[in-house]
Amino acid sequence: MQNMTSSAIQIKSILLAFRPKTLTAALVPCLAGTALVRAIGLSWDGWVLFYALAASFLIQIGTNLVNDAVDFKKRR
């Protein structure tokens, strides 16, 4: 972490706490549902997919942060 400012390190730490690798757990069900709707020929709205993805990402990120907080508290 050479030449990184304190704020850049904090931002990187926060982004790592989101655990980006786990966000596929939020992405796959939304895409699978959209694929199913399209496969059976129903109409779909891109905004619904957008909001579903946004909600599922925020839920997953929130779950990751709460999990980290509980783990931290248990170690004290």
Foldseek 3Di string as FASTA:
>chain_A
DPPDDPVRVVVVVLVVLLVVVCLVVQVVVLVVVVVVCVVVPHDDDPVVSVVSSVVSSVVSSVVSNVVVVVVVVVVD
